[in-house]
Amino acid sequence: MFELKAKVLDIVSNKKEVLLNDLDAEREGINVYDRVVLSCNERRVVAIVEITKSFIDTGFVGINGNVQSELDALDGELVKVSLTEVPQSIGYIRKKMKGDKLAKDEINTIVNDVMTGGLSDLEIAGFLFAEQYEGFDPNEVKFLTDAIVGSGEVIDFEEPAYDKHSIGGVPGNKVSLLIVPIIASTGLLIPKTSSKAITSPSGTADSMSVLAPISFEVEELKRIAKKTRGVIVWGGSLNLAPADDLFMRVEYSLQINPKAQMMASIMAKKLAVGVDFLALDLPVGHGTKVDTIEDARKLGREFVELADKFGVKVECGITYGEQPVGHTVGPALEAKEALEALGGNGPTSLIEKSTALAGVLLELSGTTPRGRGQEMAKEILASGKALKKMREIIEAQGGDPNVRAEDIHIGDQRVKILSPADGYVVSVDNEAIKSIARAAGAPIDKGAGIKLHAKRGYIVKKGDPLVEIFAESAAKLSEAQALTMKLEPITVEGMLLGKVS
């Protein structure tokens, strides 16, 4: 054991980390990612070590806000430091990496250490890679789901709750902005919680935030949901399954999404908000998370079996996913298009997908006979009931209930990309569309994004607009335009794809 002076660092992190000067670390035989026990003011914290040559002077230990709040140490105060053993969860991660199955208590220990900041990102990555390449059996997925649910709040509405969720991968998927008011207008309870976009240009929460506030505490959510029968809110403000967000942060860095983690993530967040009936959207095709319909059927069956273990009724809808839903990508653009669709003027692809998935929930609830769900959803949409309900939801969440599609601010920096040839649109690249929209500033810049003037199967003439890019700054528009020229997100039959000389 040795003593160092505390230096409080203005670093926000969920991790319990400390920073040592390399000379102090070498003298005490401490390496990067070792764990040390810090003691001060009769308090004790275990933290992960990072090492620097210059940021922290010798004789000091840098502590982030997470460590400081638990240790209650002030700048310059003496802190006792000693090496400690690695947590038991590291052994369980190694066990999984060798292909062995994990027991419930072992998975609980791993998730608990993730929650308390006891595992480094490298160690969490090891667990995720083990999931990716060794896989989880159905029991392990259930154990993981249970552990993630237990990491945060669980809401009980004391009545059946309905929801729709997509496994993702398709840009412009603003269908929840139609589904929630359609379902809520029938009196069914649909408390839609959504994540903000991580790798996409807009999540449901990002688009809804254009229309109304999305951050609420649990009691506020319950009050609004009881009143309007539907809400569209950000799950991150509710402390629902917070362990999942910590896993997702590392997944994003690695650009992986293990199937077991995806299934546990979706199911945990639905269980945390008390969902009893779920319509699960499985987009299929090139550029999505599921390549073929057969793969989607297999994944769907696994989801249904997992949900059964928790008493949740799930029905999966396999949908076309090789191009964006509707014509817009980006928070404000998608909110605008959703309002247009609720008013009867939306694109066919958006209305068809939204009413099909809403129909699944109407049939699960027994509100309408099997086979008639989509028809009923379309009738609700055409009647104006869904738009009226959406305005109620917007008002209850603190937005302007009289907002019109044309009122929504879109980025005023714009450029149209024109077709280089006559012909048919033969492909739309989802990944390119997402990259361009993000380069334009989405989802941080709400008015940024892309409007598709042509989609697969459209006939275009040379000089017709293919896509229009919107940005809130000239610099980001220029960056997005250059990326569009490089990626060519829309391919027209007959266009020159490249040159070799």
Protein backbone atom coordinates (compact mmCIF):
# COMPACT_ATOMS: atom_id res chain seq x y z
CA MET A 1 0.00 0.00 0.00
CA PHE A 2 1.20 3.53 -0.78
CA GLU A 3 -0.22 7.07 -0.56
CA LEU A 4 -0.82 9.66 -3.28
CA LYS A 5 -2.51 13.05 -3.33
CA ALA A 6 -5.91 13.20 -5.02
CA LYS A 7 -6.39 15.28 -8.16
CA VAL A 8 -10.06 15.53 -9.13
CA LEU A 9 -10.48 15.40 -12.92
CA ASP A 10 -13.35 17.03 -14.78
CA ILE A 11 -14.17 13.81 -16.61
CA VAL A 12 -17.70 12.40 -16.81
CA SER A 13 -17.74 8.60 -17.00
CA ASN A 14 -19.77 5.72 -15.64
CA LYS A 15 -16.47 3.91 -15.10
CA LYS A 16 -14.52 3.93 -11.87
CA GLU A 17 -11.12 4.89 -13.27
CA VAL A 18 -7.97 6.48 -11.89
CA LEU A 19 -5.00 7.99 -13.65
CA LEU A 20 -1.43 7.36 -12.44
CA ASN A 21 1.84 8.87 -13.57
CA ASP A 22 3.92 6.17 -15.31
CA LEU A 23 6.81 6.60 -12.84
CA ASP A 24 4.54 5.94 -9.85
CA ALA A 25 2.96 3.00 -11.65
CA GLU A 26 6.34 1.48 -12.57
CA ARG A 27 7.64 1.91 -9.02
CA GLU A 28 4.63 0.08 -7.56
CA GLY A 29 4.45 -2.58 -10.29
CA ILE A 30 1.08 -1.43 -11.60
CA ASN A 31 0.03 -1.84 -15.25
CA VAL A 32 -2.74 -0.39 -17.41
CA TYR A 33 -6.16 -1.96 -16.57
CA ASP A 34 -4.94 -3.26 -13.22
CA ARG A 35 -7.37 -2.68 -10.38
CA VAL A 36 -6.53 -0.75 -7.27
CA VAL A 37 -8.32 -0.09 -3.98
CA LEU A 38 -8.46 3.58 -2.99
CA SER A 39 -9.17 4.46 0.64
CA CYS A 40 -9.96 7.90 2.04
CA ASN A 41 -12.29 9.30 4.71
CA GLU A 42 -13.13 5.76 5.83
CA ARG A 43 -14.46 5.04 2.33
CA ARG A 44 -13.20 2.46 -0.13
CA VAL A 45 -13.47 2.27 -3.94
CA VAL A 46 -12.11 -0.25 -6.45
CA ALA A 47 -11.05 1.42 -9.71
CA ILE A 48 -9.37 0.57 -13.02
CA VAL A 49 -5.96 2.11 -13.73
CA GLU A 50 -5.01 4.25 -16.71
CA ILE A 51 -1.43 5.53 -17.04
CA THR A 52 -0.01 8.84 -18.32
CA LYS A 53 3.45 10.32 -18.74
CA SER A 54 2.46 13.96 -18.32
CA PHE A 55 -1.22 14.58 -17.54
CA ILE A 56 -0.79 13.63 -13.86
CA ASP A 57 2.35 14.55 -11.90
CA THR A 58 4.20 12.02 -9.78
CA GLY A 59 2.81 11.80 -6.27
CA PHE A 60 -0.77 12.33 -7.46
CA VAL A 61 -3.66 10.07 -8.46
CA GLY A 62 -6.23 11.45 -10.90
CA ILE A 63 -9.80 10.47 -10.00
CA ASN A 64 -12.87 11.00 -12.18
CA GLY A 65 -16.20 12.26 -10.87
CA ASN A 66 -17.57 8.76 -10.37
CA VAL A 67 -14.69 7.80 -8.08
CA GLN A 68 -14.64 11.18 -6.34
CA SER A 69 -18.33 11.02 -5.42
CA GLU A 70 -17.88 7.64 -3.73
CA LEU A 71 -14.53 8.40 -2.13
CA ASP A 72 -15.45 11.96 -1.08
CA ALA A 73 -11.83 13.01 -1.61
CA LEU A 74 -10.83 16.64 -2.17
CA ASP A 75 -7.97 17.96 -4.31
CA GLY A 76 -4.68 17.40 -2.50
CA GLU A 77 -6.13 15.00 0.08
CA LEU A 78 -4.07 11.88 0.78
CA VAL A 79 -5.47 8.66 -0.67
CA LYS A 80 -4.21 5.17 0.17
CA VAL A 81 -3.72 2.99 -2.93
CA SER A 82 -3.16 -0.75 -3.17
CA LEU A 83 -3.43 -3.44 -5.85
CA THR A 84 -6.40 -5.77 -5.67
CA GLU A 85 -7.51 -8.98 -7.37
CA VAL A 86 -9.35 -9.01 -10.68
CA PRO A 87 -13.14 -9.45 -10.32
CA GLN A 88 -14.67 -12.90 -10.60
CA SER A 89 -16.54 -11.81 -13.73
CA ILE A 90 -13.26 -11.83 -15.70
CA GLY A 91 -13.06 -15.57 -15.14
CA TYR A 92 -16.62 -15.98 -16.37
CA ILE A 93 -15.84 -13.98 -19.52
CA ARG A 94 -12.81 -16.23 -20.17
CA LYS A 95 -15.06 -19.23 -19.62
CA LYS A 96 -17.45 -18.00 -22.30
CA MET A 97 -14.58 -17.23 -24.66
CA LYS A 98 -13.63 -20.92 -24.45
CA GLY A 99 -17.15 -21.86 -25.54
CA ASP A 100 -18.55 -22.98 -22.19
CA LYS A 101 -22.08 -22.13 -21.05
CA LEU A 102 -22.65 -19.55 -18.35
CA ALA A 103 -24.97 -20.02 -15.37
CA LYS A 104 -27.48 -17.41 -14.24
CA ASP A 105 -25.36 -16.18 -11.32
CA GLU A 106 -22.30 -15.88 -13.59
CA ILE A 107 -24.16 -13.69 -16.09
CA ASN A 108 -25.63 -11.66 -13.22
CA THR A 109 -22.12 -11.04 -11.90
CA ILE A 110 -20.89 -9.84 -15.31
CA VAL A 111 -23.82 -7.46 -15.76
CA ASN A 112 -23.47 -6.16 -12.20
CA ASP A 113 -19.78 -5.42 -12.76
CA VAL A 114 -20.64 -3.61 -16.01
CA MET A 115 -23.17 -1.50 -14.07
CA THR A 116 -20.78 -0.62 -11.25
CA GLY A 117 -17.95 0.28 -13.63
CA GLY A 118 -15.90 -2.69 -12.47
CA LEU A 119 -15.08 -3.87 -16.00
CA SER A 120 -13.00 -1.97 -18.54
CA ASP A 121 -14.28 -1.44 -22.08
CA LEU A 122 -11.71 -4.00 -23.23
CA GLU A 123 -13.18 -6.61 -20.88
CA ILE A 124 -16.75 -5.79 -21.92
CA ALA A 125 -15.59 -6.13 -25.52
CA GLY A 126 -14.25 -9.60 -24.70
CA PHE A 127 -17.68 -10.59 -23.43
CA LEU A 128 -19.40 -9.22 -26.54
CA PHE A 129 -16.97 -10.98 -28.86
CA ALA A 130 -17.59 -14.22 -26.97
CA GLU A 131 -21.33 -13.73 -27.57
CA GLN A 132 -20.69 -12.96 -31.23
CA TYR A 133 -18.51 -15.95 -32.02
CA GLU A 134 -19.41 -18.58 -29.40
CA GLY A 135 -23.11 -17.73 -29.17
CA PHE A 136 -25.60 -18.09 -26.31
CA ASP A 137 -28.13 -20.86 -25.89
CA PRO A 138 -31.78 -19.92 -25.10
CA ASN A 139 -31.26 -20.20 -21.34
CA GLU A 140 -28.24 -17.89 -21.43
CA VAL A 141 -30.24 -15.33 -23.42
CA LYS A 142 -32.98 -15.50 -20.78
CA PHE A 143 -30.45 -15.07 -17.97
CA LEU A 144 -28.91 -12.08 -19.76
CA THR A 145 -32.36 -10.55 -20.29
CA ASP A 146 -33.23 -10.99 -16.60
CA ALA A 147 -29.96 -9.39 -15.53
CA ILE A 148 -30.40 -6.37 -17.82
CA VAL A 149 -34.01 -5.85 -16.65
CA GLY A 150 -32.82 -5.95 -13.04
CA SER A 151 -30.25 -3.21 -13.64
CA GLY A 152 -32.88 -0.44 -13.55
CA GLU A 153 -36.51 0.60 -13.07
CA VAL A 154 -39.46 -1.64 -13.95
CA ILE A 155 -42.80 0.04 -14.71
CA ASP A 156 -46.15 -1.59 -13.98
CA PHE A 157 -49.16 0.02 -15.67
CA GLU A 158 -51.50 -2.48 -13.99
CA GLU A 159 -53.17 -3.23 -17.33
CA PRO A 160 -52.12 -4.80 -20.65
CA ALA A 161 -49.58 -2.71 -22.54
CA TYR A 162 -48.77 -2.93 -26.26
CA ASP A 163 -45.69 -1.91 -28.24
CA LYS A 164 -43.97 -2.09 -31.59
CA HIS A 165 -40.21 -2.44 -32.02
CA SER A 166 -37.83 -2.81 -34.96
CA ILE A 167 -34.48 -4.57 -34.86
CA GLY A 168 -33.26 -1.65 -36.99
CA GLY A 169 -31.01 -1.30 -39.99
CA VAL A 170 -33.37 0.68 -42.23
CA PRO A 171 -33.10 4.49 -42.37
CA GLY A 172 -36.23 6.61 -42.32
CA ASN A 173 -38.20 4.08 -40.28
CA LYS A 174 -40.57 6.59 -38.65
CA VAL A 175 -43.48 4.14 -38.51
CA SER A 176 -43.87 4.39 -34.71
CA LEU A 177 -45.05 7.99 -35.16
CA LEU A 178 -48.07 6.54 -36.96
CA ILE A 179 -48.50 3.27 -35.08
CA VAL A 180 -48.68 4.79 -31.59
CA PRO A 181 -51.59 7.16 -32.32
CA ILE A 182 -53.42 4.51 -34.38
CA ILE A 183 -53.31 2.05 -31.48
CA ALA A 184 -53.93 4.65 -28.75
CA SER A 185 -57.01 5.94 -30.60
CA THR A 186 -58.68 2.55 -29.97
CA GLY A 187 -58.15 2.87 -26.20
CA LEU A 188 -55.32 0.34 -26.03
CA LEU A 189 -52.28 1.41 -23.97
CA ILE A 190 -49.08 1.83 -25.99
CA PRO A 191 -46.21 3.37 -23.96
CA LYS A 192 -43.55 3.63 -26.66
CA THR A 193 -40.04 4.11 -25.31
CA SER A 194 -37.26 4.53 -27.81
CA SER A 195 -33.52 5.04 -27.90
CA LYS A 196 -31.88 8.04 -29.49
CA ALA A 197 -29.96 7.30 -32.66
CA ILE A 198 -26.53 5.71 -32.21
CA THR A 199 -25.43 4.78 -35.73
CA SER A 200 -28.50 5.96 -37.66
CA PRO A 201 -29.46 9.51 -38.70
CA SER A 202 -32.58 9.47 -36.52
CA GLY A 203 -34.26 7.26 -33.96
CA THR A 204 -37.95 7.46 -33.09
CA ALA A 205 -37.06 9.55 -30.03
CA ASP A 206 -35.04 12.00 -32.17
CA SER A 207 -37.94 12.52 -34.57
CA MET A 208 -40.51 12.87 -31.76
CA SER A 209 -38.26 15.44 -30.05
CA VAL A 210 -38.98 17.78 -32.99
CA LEU A 211 -42.67 17.70 -32.03
CA ALA A 212 -42.55 17.55 -28.21
CA PRO A 213 -40.29 16.94 -25.21
CA ILE A 214 -39.31 13.29 -24.81
CA SER A 215 -37.56 13.15 -21.41
CA PHE A 216 -39.76 12.25 -18.43
CA GLU A 217 -39.54 10.56 -15.06
CA VAL A 218 -41.46 7.35 -14.45
CA GLU A 219 -44.43 8.90 -12.65
CA GLU A 220 -44.79 11.57 -15.35
CA LEU A 221 -44.74 8.88 -18.02
CA LYS A 222 -47.43 6.87 -16.27
CA ARG A 223 -49.63 9.94 -15.82
CA ILE A 224 -49.37 10.96 -19.49
CA ALA A 225 -49.86 7.40 -20.74
CA LYS A 226 -52.99 6.89 -18.63
CA LYS A 227 -54.41 10.15 -19.97
CA THR A 228 -53.62 9.80 -23.69
CA ARG A 229 -53.24 5.98 -23.91
CA GLY A 230 -50.04 6.53 -25.88
CA VAL A 231 -46.64 8.18 -25.45
CA ILE A 232 -43.46 8.40 -27.51
CA VAL A 233 -40.55 9.07 -25.16
CA TRP A 234 -36.82 8.58 -24.72
CA GLY A 235 -36.12 5.49 -22.63
CA GLY A 236 -32.76 6.87 -21.49
CA SER A 237 -34.43 9.35 -19.14
CA LEU A 238 -36.36 6.60 -17.33
CA ASN A 239 -33.47 4.42 -16.11
CA LEU A 240 -34.94 1.41 -17.93
CA ALA A 241 -32.45 -1.45 -18.39
CA PRO A 242 -29.43 0.93 -18.10
CA ALA A 243 -26.93 -1.94 -18.36
CA ASP A 244 -27.99 -2.31 -21.98
CA ASP A 245 -26.88 1.25 -22.77
CA LEU A 246 -23.43 0.45 -21.38
CA PHE A 247 -23.14 -2.62 -23.58
CA MET A 248 -24.40 -0.65 -26.60
CA ARG A 249 -21.72 2.00 -26.14
CA VAL A 250 -19.01 -0.64 -26.56
CA GLU A 251 -20.93 -2.35 -29.39
CA TYR A 252 -20.99 0.94 -31.25
CA SER A 253 -17.20 1.31 -30.96
CA LEU A 254 -16.70 -2.25 -32.21
CA GLN A 255 -19.44 -2.04 -34.85
CA ILE A 256 -20.82 -5.42 -33.76
CA ASN A 257 -24.28 -6.44 -32.55
CA PRO A 258 -24.29 -10.03 -31.23
CA LYS A 259 -27.64 -11.72 -31.74
CA ALA A 260 -27.97 -12.76 -28.09
CA GLN A 261 -27.24 -9.21 -26.95
CA MET A 262 -29.73 -7.77 -29.44
CA MET A 263 -32.47 -10.16 -28.31
CA ALA A 264 -31.81 -9.58 -24.61
CA SER A 265 -31.64 -5.82 -25.18
CA ILE A 266 -35.01 -5.62 -26.94
CA MET A 267 -36.80 -7.97 -24.56
CA ALA A 268 -35.33 -6.34 -21.44
CA LYS A 269 -36.45 -2.87 -22.45
CA LYS A 270 -39.96 -4.12 -23.21
CA LEU A 271 -40.19 -5.97 -19.90
CA ALA A 272 -38.92 -2.89 -18.07
CA VAL A 273 -41.82 -0.82 -19.43
CA GLY A 274 -44.39 -3.53 -18.71
CA VAL A 275 -45.17 -4.59 -22.29
CA ASP A 276 -47.46 -7.63 -22.65
CA PHE A 277 -47.96 -7.66 -26.44
CA LEU A 278 -45.28 -6.78 -28.98
CA ALA A 279 -45.22 -6.42 -32.77
CA LEU A 280 -41.59 -6.96 -33.78
CA ASP A 281 -40.43 -5.61 -37.13
CA LEU A 282 -37.75 -7.71 -38.86
CA PRO A 283 -36.54 -5.79 -41.95
CA VAL A 284 -34.94 -8.10 -44.52
CA GLY A 285 -32.55 -7.61 -47.40
CA HIS A 286 -29.13 -6.34 -48.40
CA GLY A 287 -27.86 -3.73 -45.97
CA THR A 288 -30.13 -4.81 -43.11
CA LYS A 289 -29.36 -7.00 -40.09
CA VAL A 290 -31.10 -10.02 -41.67
CA ASP A 291 -30.20 -11.03 -45.22
CA THR A 292 -32.96 -13.49 -46.14
CA ILE A 293 -36.58 -14.24 -45.30
CA GLU A 294 -35.57 -17.67 -43.99
CA ASP A 295 -33.05 -16.04 -41.64
CA ALA A 296 -35.81 -13.69 -40.49
CA ARG A 297 -38.18 -16.59 -39.83
CA LYS A 298 -35.51 -18.32 -37.72
CA LEU A 299 -34.78 -15.14 -35.74
CA GLY A 300 -38.50 -14.51 -35.33
CA ARG A 301 -39.06 -17.96 -33.86
CA GLU A 302 -36.22 -17.39 -31.39
CA PHE A 303 -37.77 -14.09 -30.32
CA VAL A 304 -41.19 -15.71 -29.84
CA GLU A 305 -39.65 -18.49 -27.72
CA LEU A 306 -37.73 -15.97 -25.59
CA ALA A 307 -40.84 -13.84 -25.07
CA ASP A 308 -42.84 -16.92 -24.06
CA LYS A 309 -40.42 -17.46 -21.16
CA PHE A 310 -41.51 -14.05 -19.79
CA GLY A 311 -45.21 -14.34 -20.58
CA VAL A 312 -45.06 -11.77 -23.39
CA LYS A 313 -46.93 -12.40 -26.64
CA VAL A 314 -44.80 -11.48 -29.66
CA GLU A 315 -45.72 -11.57 -33.32
CA CYS A 316 -42.98 -10.79 -35.83
CA GLY A 317 -43.56 -8.96 -39.09
CA ILE A 318 -41.00 -9.64 -41.83
CA THR A 319 -40.71 -6.45 -43.88
CA TYR A 320 -38.84 -5.22 -46.96
CA GLY A 321 -35.75 -3.33 -45.87
CA GLU A 322 -33.55 -2.64 -48.89
CA GLN A 323 -34.37 1.07 -49.07
CA PRO A 324 -35.58 3.76 -46.66
CA VAL A 325 -39.19 3.79 -45.46
CA GLY A 326 -40.93 6.76 -47.05
CA HIS A 327 -38.82 9.46 -48.68
CA THR A 328 -37.05 11.24 -45.80
CA VAL A 329 -34.19 10.54 -43.41
CA GLY A 330 -33.36 12.84 -40.49
CA PRO A 331 -35.26 14.00 -37.36
CA ALA A 332 -37.21 17.02 -38.66
CA LEU A 333 -37.72 15.59 -42.14
CA GLU A 334 -39.14 12.38 -40.68
CA ALA A 335 -41.38 14.22 -38.21
CA LYS A 336 -42.69 16.32 -41.10
CA GLU A 337 -43.38 13.26 -43.26
CA ALA A 338 -45.10 11.47 -40.37
CA LEU A 339 -47.46 14.41 -39.83
CA GLU A 340 -48.19 14.46 -43.55
CA ALA A 341 -49.00 10.74 -43.45
CA LEU A 342 -51.26 11.17 -40.42
CA GLY A 343 -53.05 13.87 -42.41
CA GLY A 344 -53.60 11.52 -45.35
CA ASN A 345 -50.77 12.71 -47.63
CA GLY A 346 -47.90 10.36 -46.81
CA PRO A 347 -45.93 8.03 -49.08
CA THR A 348 -47.37 4.59 -49.75
CA SER A 349 -44.41 2.68 -48.28
CA LEU A 350 -44.77 4.49 -44.94
CA ILE A 351 -48.53 4.02 -44.73
CA GLU A 352 -48.42 0.36 -45.78
CA LYS A 353 -45.71 -0.60 -43.30
CA SER A 354 -47.21 1.39 -40.44
CA THR A 355 -50.72 0.04 -40.88
CA ALA A 356 -49.47 -3.53 -41.37
CA LEU A 357 -47.60 -3.48 -38.03
CA ALA A 358 -50.40 -1.60 -36.29
CA GLY A 359 -52.71 -4.30 -37.63
CA VAL A 360 -50.63 -6.97 -35.91
CA LEU A 361 -51.23 -5.26 -32.55
CA LEU A 362 -54.96 -4.79 -33.22
CA GLU A 363 -55.25 -8.51 -33.97
CA LEU A 364 -53.16 -9.52 -30.92
CA SER A 365 -55.49 -7.47 -28.73
CA GLY A 366 -58.63 -9.05 -30.13
CA THR A 367 -59.88 -5.63 -31.21
CA THR A 368 -60.35 -7.00 -34.73
CA PRO A 369 -60.44 -10.53 -36.20
CA ARG A 370 -57.34 -12.14 -37.65
CA GLY A 371 -56.67 -10.93 -41.17
CA ARG A 372 -58.47 -7.61 -40.74
CA GLY A 373 -55.94 -5.69 -38.64
CA GLN A 374 -54.35 -3.66 -41.42
CA GLU A 375 -57.73 -2.78 -42.88
CA MET A 376 -58.87 -1.44 -39.51
CA ALA A 377 -55.61 0.50 -39.07
CA LYS A 378 -56.09 2.12 -42.47
CA GLU A 379 -59.66 3.06 -41.57
CA ILE A 380 -58.45 4.73 -38.37
CA LEU A 381 -55.77 6.61 -40.30
CA ALA A 382 -58.19 7.74 -43.03
CA SER A 383 -60.76 8.89 -40.48
CA GLY A 384 -58.42 11.41 -38.91
CA LYS A 385 -58.62 9.71 -35.49
CA ALA A 386 -54.90 8.93 -35.49
CA LEU A 387 -53.97 12.55 -36.27
CA LYS A 388 -56.29 13.78 -33.52
CA LYS A 389 -54.73 11.34 -31.06
CA MET A 390 -51.20 12.35 -32.12
CA ARG A 391 -52.05 15.97 -31.36
CA GLU A 392 -53.28 14.91 -27.90
CA ILE A 393 -50.01 13.07 -27.29
CA ILE A 394 -47.94 16.02 -28.49
CA GLU A 395 -49.83 18.37 -26.17
CA ALA A 396 -49.61 16.01 -23.17
CA GLN A 397 -45.84 15.76 -23.66
CA GLY A 398 -45.50 19.54 -23.74
CA GLY A 399 -45.48 20.28 -27.48
CA ASP A 400 -47.69 22.42 -29.71
CA PRO A 401 -50.80 20.37 -30.58
CA ASN A 402 -51.54 22.64 -33.55
CA VAL A 403 -48.17 22.11 -35.25
CA ARG A 404 -48.44 21.57 -39.00
CA ALA A 405 -46.04 19.74 -41.26
CA GLU A 406 -45.13 22.98 -43.00
CA ASP A 407 -44.25 24.58 -39.63
CA ILE A 408 -41.37 22.19 -39.00
CA HIS A 409 -37.97 23.79 -39.54
CA ILE A 410 -35.77 22.04 -42.08
CA GLY A 411 -32.13 22.92 -42.66
CA ASP A 412 -31.87 25.91 -45.00
CA GLN A 413 -28.58 24.75 -46.57
CA ARG A 414 -29.73 22.50 -49.43
CA VAL A 415 -28.51 20.88 -52.60
CA LYS A 416 -30.12 18.48 -55.09
CA ILE A 417 -28.16 15.62 -56.65
CA LEU A 418 -29.34 15.03 -60.21
CA SER A 419 -29.58 11.84 -62.27
CA PRO A 420 -26.63 11.44 -64.66
CA ALA A 421 -28.67 9.36 -67.13
CA ASP A 422 -32.11 8.27 -68.30
CA GLY A 423 -33.31 4.96 -66.87
CA TYR A 424 -34.76 3.09 -63.90
CA VAL A 425 -33.52 3.37 -60.34
CA VAL A 426 -32.12 -0.12 -59.78
CA SER A 427 -30.72 0.21 -56.25
CA VAL A 428 -30.72 2.40 -53.15
CA ASP A 429 -27.84 1.96 -50.71
CA ASN A 430 -29.10 2.19 -47.11
CA GLU A 431 -25.62 2.46 -45.61
CA ALA A 432 -24.69 5.27 -47.98
CA ILE A 433 -27.92 7.13 -47.19
CA LYS A 434 -27.21 6.85 -43.45
CA SER A 435 -23.61 8.03 -43.86
CA ILE A 436 -24.59 11.04 -45.97
CA ALA A 437 -27.40 12.10 -43.60
CA ARG A 438 -25.03 11.89 -40.63
CA ALA A 439 -22.38 13.87 -42.53
CA ALA A 440 -25.04 16.54 -43.08
CA GLY A 441 -25.43 16.77 -39.29
CA ALA A 442 -28.24 14.36 -38.37
CA PRO A 443 -29.32 13.49 -35.72
CA ILE A 444 -27.62 16.24 -33.66
CA ASP A 445 -28.74 18.93 -36.12
CA LYS A 446 -32.47 18.24 -36.19
CA GLY A 447 -33.02 19.93 -39.55
CA ALA A 448 -30.33 17.92 -41.34
CA GLY A 449 -30.96 14.87 -43.48
CA ILE A 450 -31.93 13.59 -46.91
CA LYS A 451 -35.05 13.54 -49.05
CA LEU A 452 -35.22 10.83 -51.70
CA HIS A 453 -36.91 12.08 -54.86
CA ALA A 454 -36.50 8.68 -56.52
CA LYS A 455 -36.53 5.13 -55.13
CA ARG A 456 -36.08 1.67 -56.59
CA GLY A 457 -38.27 1.15 -59.68
CA TYR A 458 -38.76 4.87 -60.40
CA ILE A 459 -38.23 6.04 -63.98
CA VAL A 460 -35.96 9.10 -64.16
CA LYS A 461 -34.63 11.34 -66.88
CA LYS A 462 -31.15 12.79 -67.02
CA GLY A 463 -31.17 15.90 -64.81
CA ASP A 464 -34.07 14.78 -62.61
CA PRO A 465 -33.39 15.09 -58.86
CA LEU A 466 -32.44 11.83 -57.15
CA VAL A 467 -31.80 13.06 -53.61
CA GLU A 468 -31.87 16.40 -51.83
CA ILE A 469 -29.50 17.02 -48.93
CA PHE A 470 -30.45 19.37 -46.07
CA ALA A 471 -28.01 20.81 -43.55
CA GLU A 472 -27.86 23.60 -40.99
CA SER A 473 -24.35 24.69 -41.95
CA ALA A 474 -22.64 25.22 -45.30
CA ALA A 475 -19.60 23.21 -44.19
CA LYS A 476 -21.65 20.12 -43.33
CA LEU A 477 -23.63 20.44 -46.56
CA SER A 478 -20.38 20.52 -48.53
CA GLU A 479 -19.10 17.44 -46.67
CA ALA A 480 -22.34 15.53 -47.30
CA GLN A 481 -22.38 16.51 -50.96
CA ALA A 482 -18.80 15.31 -51.47
CA LEU A 483 -19.67 12.02 -49.74
CA THR A 484 -22.69 11.62 -52.02
CA MET A 485 -20.49 11.96 -55.10
CA LYS A 486 -18.18 9.29 -53.68
CA LEU A 487 -20.78 6.78 -52.44
CA GLU A 488 -23.45 7.21 -55.17
CA PRO A 489 -26.36 6.13 -52.94
CA ILE A 490 -28.79 5.72 -55.84
CA THR A 491 -27.92 3.76 -58.96
CA VAL A 492 -29.75 4.44 -62.21
CA GLU A 493 -29.71 1.83 -64.97
CA GLY A 494 -27.43 3.09 -67.68
CA MET A 495 -25.31 5.40 -65.53
CA LEU A 496 -21.53 5.18 -65.76
CA LEU A 497 -20.28 3.44 -62.63
CA GLY A 498 -16.58 4.15 -63.07
CA LYS A 499 -13.61 4.50 -65.41
CA VAL A 500 -10.33 2.59 -65.86
CA SER A 501 -7.46 3.91 -67.95
